[in-house]
């Protein structure tokens, strides 16, 4: 498996989030209060309607990929989806999003490719329980799996749509509402990881590259 970029958000301040491995693909951070000291490990990125991380083009040539992170809602009652990772072509491209489920204390995770929601699942973990690890995998043939806390929660069949476009860069944390959602330890791979590999990665904090 090839890890392309990962973000610990342990900088805790400033306008850049660094990716220590295997190359430097920094996120440009904007927003009034985009940092929180209360991360899953160390600091975290606070995604609200006023904060955004913008990343450069990534060297992902194939369709296969894995995106994962730890997420924690800071409140309930907001229906605003948080785009954990979204390609620059927006909803016409790829997006992994999380949102609270209206009328319950659960989290909904949606995986979108080529402008179509391939799979949306509701976590059995309550928002009030704290941090939830989420992951999305896309196979070389386009099959999508969504994982919550290391266990697969839903799958969608392969598609014949075009490959995902990373050449325009990507965004982290778009949306989120006024209350916000904490994001930590985001990782992006150019292959579809297995459940065992996702579980191992979720238990291993991203190396801090804070200056």
Protein backbone atom coordinates (compact mmCIF):
# COMPACT_ATOMS: atom_id res chain seq x y z
CA UNK A 1 0.00 0.00 0.00
CA UNK A 2 1.16 3.53 -0.69
CA UNK A 3 0.49 6.32 1.76
CA UNK A 4 0.27 9.60 -0.17
CA UNK A 5 -0.46 12.18 2.53
CA UNK A 6 -1.36 12.32 6.22
CA UNK A 7 -2.15 15.16 8.59
CA UNK A 8 -1.85 15.14 12.39
CA UNK A 9 -2.91 18.81 12.79
CA UNK A 10 -0.55 19.02 15.76
CA UNK A 11 0.65 22.45 14.62
CA UNK A 12 -2.17 23.88 16.74
CA UNK A 13 -1.84 27.33 15.19
CA UNK A 14 -0.81 29.11 12.01
CA UNK A 15 -1.97 28.77 8.41
CA UNK A 16 -0.37 25.48 7.34
CA UNK A 17 -0.96 21.84 8.22
CA UNK A 18 1.99 19.70 7.17
CA UNK A 19 2.10 16.17 5.82
CA UNK A 20 5.27 14.52 7.17
CA UNK A 21 5.12 11.33 5.11
CA UNK A 22 6.08 10.52 2.47
CA UNK A 23 6.23 13.97 0.87
CA UNK A 24 5.22 17.49 1.78
CA UNK A 25 1.69 18.29 0.61
CA UNK A 26 0.73 21.12 2.98
CA UNK A 27 -2.83 22.21 3.63
CA UNK A 28 -3.40 25.95 3.52
CA UNK A 29 -5.65 26.70 6.52
CA UNK A 30 -8.13 29.56 6.59
CA UNK A 31 -10.68 30.55 9.20
CA UNK A 32 -11.04 32.47 12.44
CA UNK A 33 -10.47 29.53 14.84
CA UNK A 34 -9.42 26.48 12.81
CA UNK A 35 -7.47 24.73 15.58
CA UNK A 36 -8.35 22.86 18.76
CA UNK A 37 -6.08 21.45 21.45
CA UNK A 38 -8.60 18.66 22.10
CA UNK A 39 -7.63 16.30 19.30
CA UNK A 40 -7.87 12.52 19.27
CA UNK A 41 -4.10 12.65 19.76
CA UNK A 42 -2.56 16.08 20.21
CA UNK A 43 -4.29 18.96 18.41
CA UNK A 44 -7.04 18.79 15.75
CA UNK A 45 -8.61 20.76 12.91
CA UNK A 46 -11.91 22.45 13.80
CA UNK A 47 -14.18 22.31 10.75
CA UNK A 48 -16.94 24.94 10.72
CA UNK A 49 -18.66 27.05 8.09
CA UNK A 50 -15.78 29.53 8.50
CA UNK A 51 -12.78 27.18 8.28
CA UNK A 52 -11.23 25.32 5.38
CA UNK A 53 -8.06 23.46 4.47
CA UNK A 54 -6.96 23.55 0.81
CA UNK A 55 -4.42 21.02 -0.46
CA UNK A 56 -2.35 20.73 -3.66
CA UNK A 57 -2.59 18.21 -6.48
CA UNK A 58 -1.83 14.67 -5.31
CA UNK A 59 -0.02 12.00 -7.37
CA UNK A 60 -2.92 9.53 -7.45
CA UNK A 61 -3.25 8.21 -10.99
CA UNK A 62 -5.49 5.22 -10.38
CA UNK A 63 -9.08 5.04 -9.20
CA UNK A 64 -8.20 2.97 -6.14
CA UNK A 65 -7.85 4.87 -2.88
CA UNK A 66 -8.50 4.98 0.85
CA UNK A 67 -9.41 8.05 2.91
CA UNK A 68 -9.64 7.83 6.68
CA UNK A 69 -9.76 10.06 9.74
CA UNK A 70 -10.97 10.48 13.30
CA UNK A 71 -14.00 12.75 13.67
CA UNK A 72 -15.90 14.19 16.62
CA UNK A 73 -18.98 16.40 16.62
CA UNK A 74 -18.95 19.14 19.23
CA UNK A 75 -22.72 19.32 19.41
CA UNK A 76 -25.96 17.96 18.03
CA UNK A 77 -28.85 19.54 16.21
CA UNK A 78 -26.92 20.64 13.13
CA UNK A 79 -27.62 18.99 9.80
CA UNK A 80 -24.57 20.50 8.12
CA UNK A 81 -22.36 17.89 6.46
CA UNK A 82 -18.60 18.15 6.96
CA UNK A 83 -16.54 17.27 3.89
CA UNK A 84 -13.63 15.34 5.38
CA UNK A 85 -11.89 15.22 1.98
CA UNK A 86 -13.34 16.59 -1.25
CA UNK A 87 -11.62 16.93 -4.62
CA UNK A 88 -11.51 20.41 -6.13
CA UNK A 89 -14.18 19.54 -8.69
CA UNK A 90 -16.57 19.40 -5.76
CA UNK A 91 -19.67 17.26 -5.79
CA UNK A 92 -18.92 16.26 -9.37
CA UNK A 93 -15.84 14.45 -8.06
CA UNK A 94 -15.10 12.66 -4.81
CA UNK A 95 -16.21 13.47 -1.28
CA UNK A 96 -16.25 11.76 2.09
CA UNK A 97 -18.66 13.52 4.43
CA UNK A 98 -20.03 13.10 7.93
CA UNK A 99 -23.13 14.64 9.50
CA UNK A 100 -25.36 14.14 12.53
CA UNK A 101 -28.53 12.19 11.88
CA UNK A 102 -31.60 14.35 12.51
CA UNK A 103 -33.54 13.29 15.58
CA UNK A 104 -30.89 10.88 16.87
CA UNK A 105 -27.45 10.74 18.45
CA UNK A 106 -25.81 9.00 15.52
CA UNK A 107 -23.39 9.89 12.73
CA UNK A 108 -24.07 9.45 9.01
CA UNK A 109 -21.08 8.84 6.72
CA UNK A 110 -21.48 9.31 2.97
CA UNK A 111 -19.11 8.28 0.17
CA UNK A 112 -19.52 10.13 -3.13
CA UNK A 113 -17.69 9.48 -6.38
CA UNK A 114 -18.30 11.13 -9.75
CA UNK A 115 -21.12 13.20 -8.29
CA UNK A 116 -23.14 10.18 -7.10
CA UNK A 117 -23.58 9.07 -3.49
CA UNK A 118 -22.36 5.47 -3.65
CA UNK A 119 -23.00 4.61 -0.02
CA UNK A 120 -24.42 6.33 3.04
CA UNK A 121 -24.38 4.53 6.39
CA UNK A 122 -25.36 5.38 9.95
CA UNK A 123 -22.87 4.57 12.68
CA UNK A 124 -23.98 2.53 15.68
CA UNK A 125 -21.66 4.75 17.75
CA UNK A 126 -23.36 7.73 19.38
CA UNK A 127 -22.03 11.23 18.78
CA UNK A 128 -21.92 11.81 22.53
CA UNK A 129 -19.52 8.86 22.86
CA UNK A 130 -16.81 11.04 21.38
CA UNK A 131 -14.38 10.21 18.60
CA UNK A 132 -15.37 7.96 15.68
CA UNK A 133 -12.93 6.55 13.13
CA UNK A 134 -14.27 6.59 9.58
CA UNK A 135 -12.80 5.29 6.34
CA UNK A 136 -13.81 5.05 2.70
CA UNK A 137 -12.17 2.72 0.19
CA UNK A 138 -12.58 2.66 -3.58
CA UNK A 139 -11.28 -0.33 -5.52
CA UNK A 140 -9.64 -0.19 -8.94
CA UNK A 141 -13.00 -1.20 -10.46
CA UNK A 142 -14.94 1.45 -8.53
CA UNK A 143 -16.43 -0.60 -5.68
CA UNK A 144 -16.92 1.47 -2.52
CA UNK A 145 -16.74 0.38 1.13
CA UNK A 146 -17.45 2.53 4.19
CA UNK A 147 -15.91 1.61 7.56
CA UNK A 148 -16.73 2.87 11.05
CA UNK A 149 -14.32 2.07 13.89
CA UNK A 150 -12.58 -0.52 11.70
CA UNK A 151 -15.69 -2.48 10.71
CA UNK A 152 -17.28 -2.33 7.27
CA UNK A 153 -20.74 -0.75 7.49
CA UNK A 154 -21.80 -0.72 3.86
CA UNK A 155 -20.69 -1.48 0.31
CA UNK A 156 -21.64 -0.34 -3.18
CA UNK A 157 -21.02 -2.13 -6.46
CA UNK A 158 -18.52 -1.10 -9.10
CA UNK A 159 -19.22 1.72 -11.53
CA UNK A 160 -18.01 2.57 -15.00
CA UNK A 161 -17.54 6.27 -14.28
CA UNK A 162 -14.29 8.09 -15.02
CA UNK A 163 -11.30 8.06 -12.70
CA UNK A 164 -11.21 10.51 -9.79
CA UNK A 165 -9.39 13.75 -10.59
CA UNK A 166 -6.81 14.88 -8.03
CA UNK A 167 -4.93 17.27 -10.33
CA UNK A 168 -6.89 20.31 -9.12
CA UNK A 169 -6.10 19.65 -5.47
CA UNK A 170 -8.54 18.95 -2.65
CA UNK A 171 -10.31 20.47 0.35
CA UNK A 172 -10.62 19.44 3.99
CA UNK A 173 -13.33 20.53 6.41
CA UNK A 174 -15.79 22.32 4.13
CA UNK A 175 -19.13 22.87 5.87
CA UNK A 176 -19.64 21.92 9.48
CA UNK A 177 -22.09 24.53 10.69
CA UNK A 178 -21.53 26.99 13.51
CA UNK A 179 -20.80 24.36 16.19
CA UNK A 180 -18.17 22.55 14.20
CA UNK A 181 -16.61 19.10 13.99
CA UNK A 182 -13.11 18.09 15.00
CA UNK A 183 -11.04 16.20 12.40
CA UNK A 184 -7.77 14.47 13.24
CA UNK A 185 -5.26 12.07 11.71
CA UNK A 186 -6.45 12.28 8.11
CA UNK A 187 -4.73 9.80 5.80
CA UNK A 188 -4.96 9.40 2.00
CA UNK A 189 -3.70 6.26 0.18
CA UNK A 190 -3.60 5.36 -3.50
CA UNK A 191 -4.93 1.86 -2.89
CA UNK A 192 -7.97 0.25 -1.28
CA UNK A 193 -6.88 -0.94 2.17
CA UNK A 194 -8.27 -4.08 3.81
CA UNK A 195 -10.25 -3.99 7.05
CA UNK A 196 -7.18 -5.23 8.94
CA UNK A 197 -4.99 -2.48 7.47
CA UNK A 198 -7.58 0.16 8.32
CA UNK A 199 -7.81 -1.12 11.89
CA UNK A 200 -4.02 -1.01 12.27
CA UNK A 201 -3.81 2.52 10.86
CA UNK A 202 -6.61 3.77 13.11
CA UNK A 203 -4.65 2.62 16.17
CA UNK A 204 -1.47 4.35 14.99
CA UNK A 205 -1.39 8.15 15.40
CA UNK A 206 -0.05 10.19 12.50
CA UNK A 207 3.52 11.29 13.08
CA UNK A 208 3.56 14.90 14.22
CA UNK A 209 5.37 17.34 11.93
CA UNK A 210 4.51 20.43 13.97
CA UNK A 211 7.27 23.05 13.71
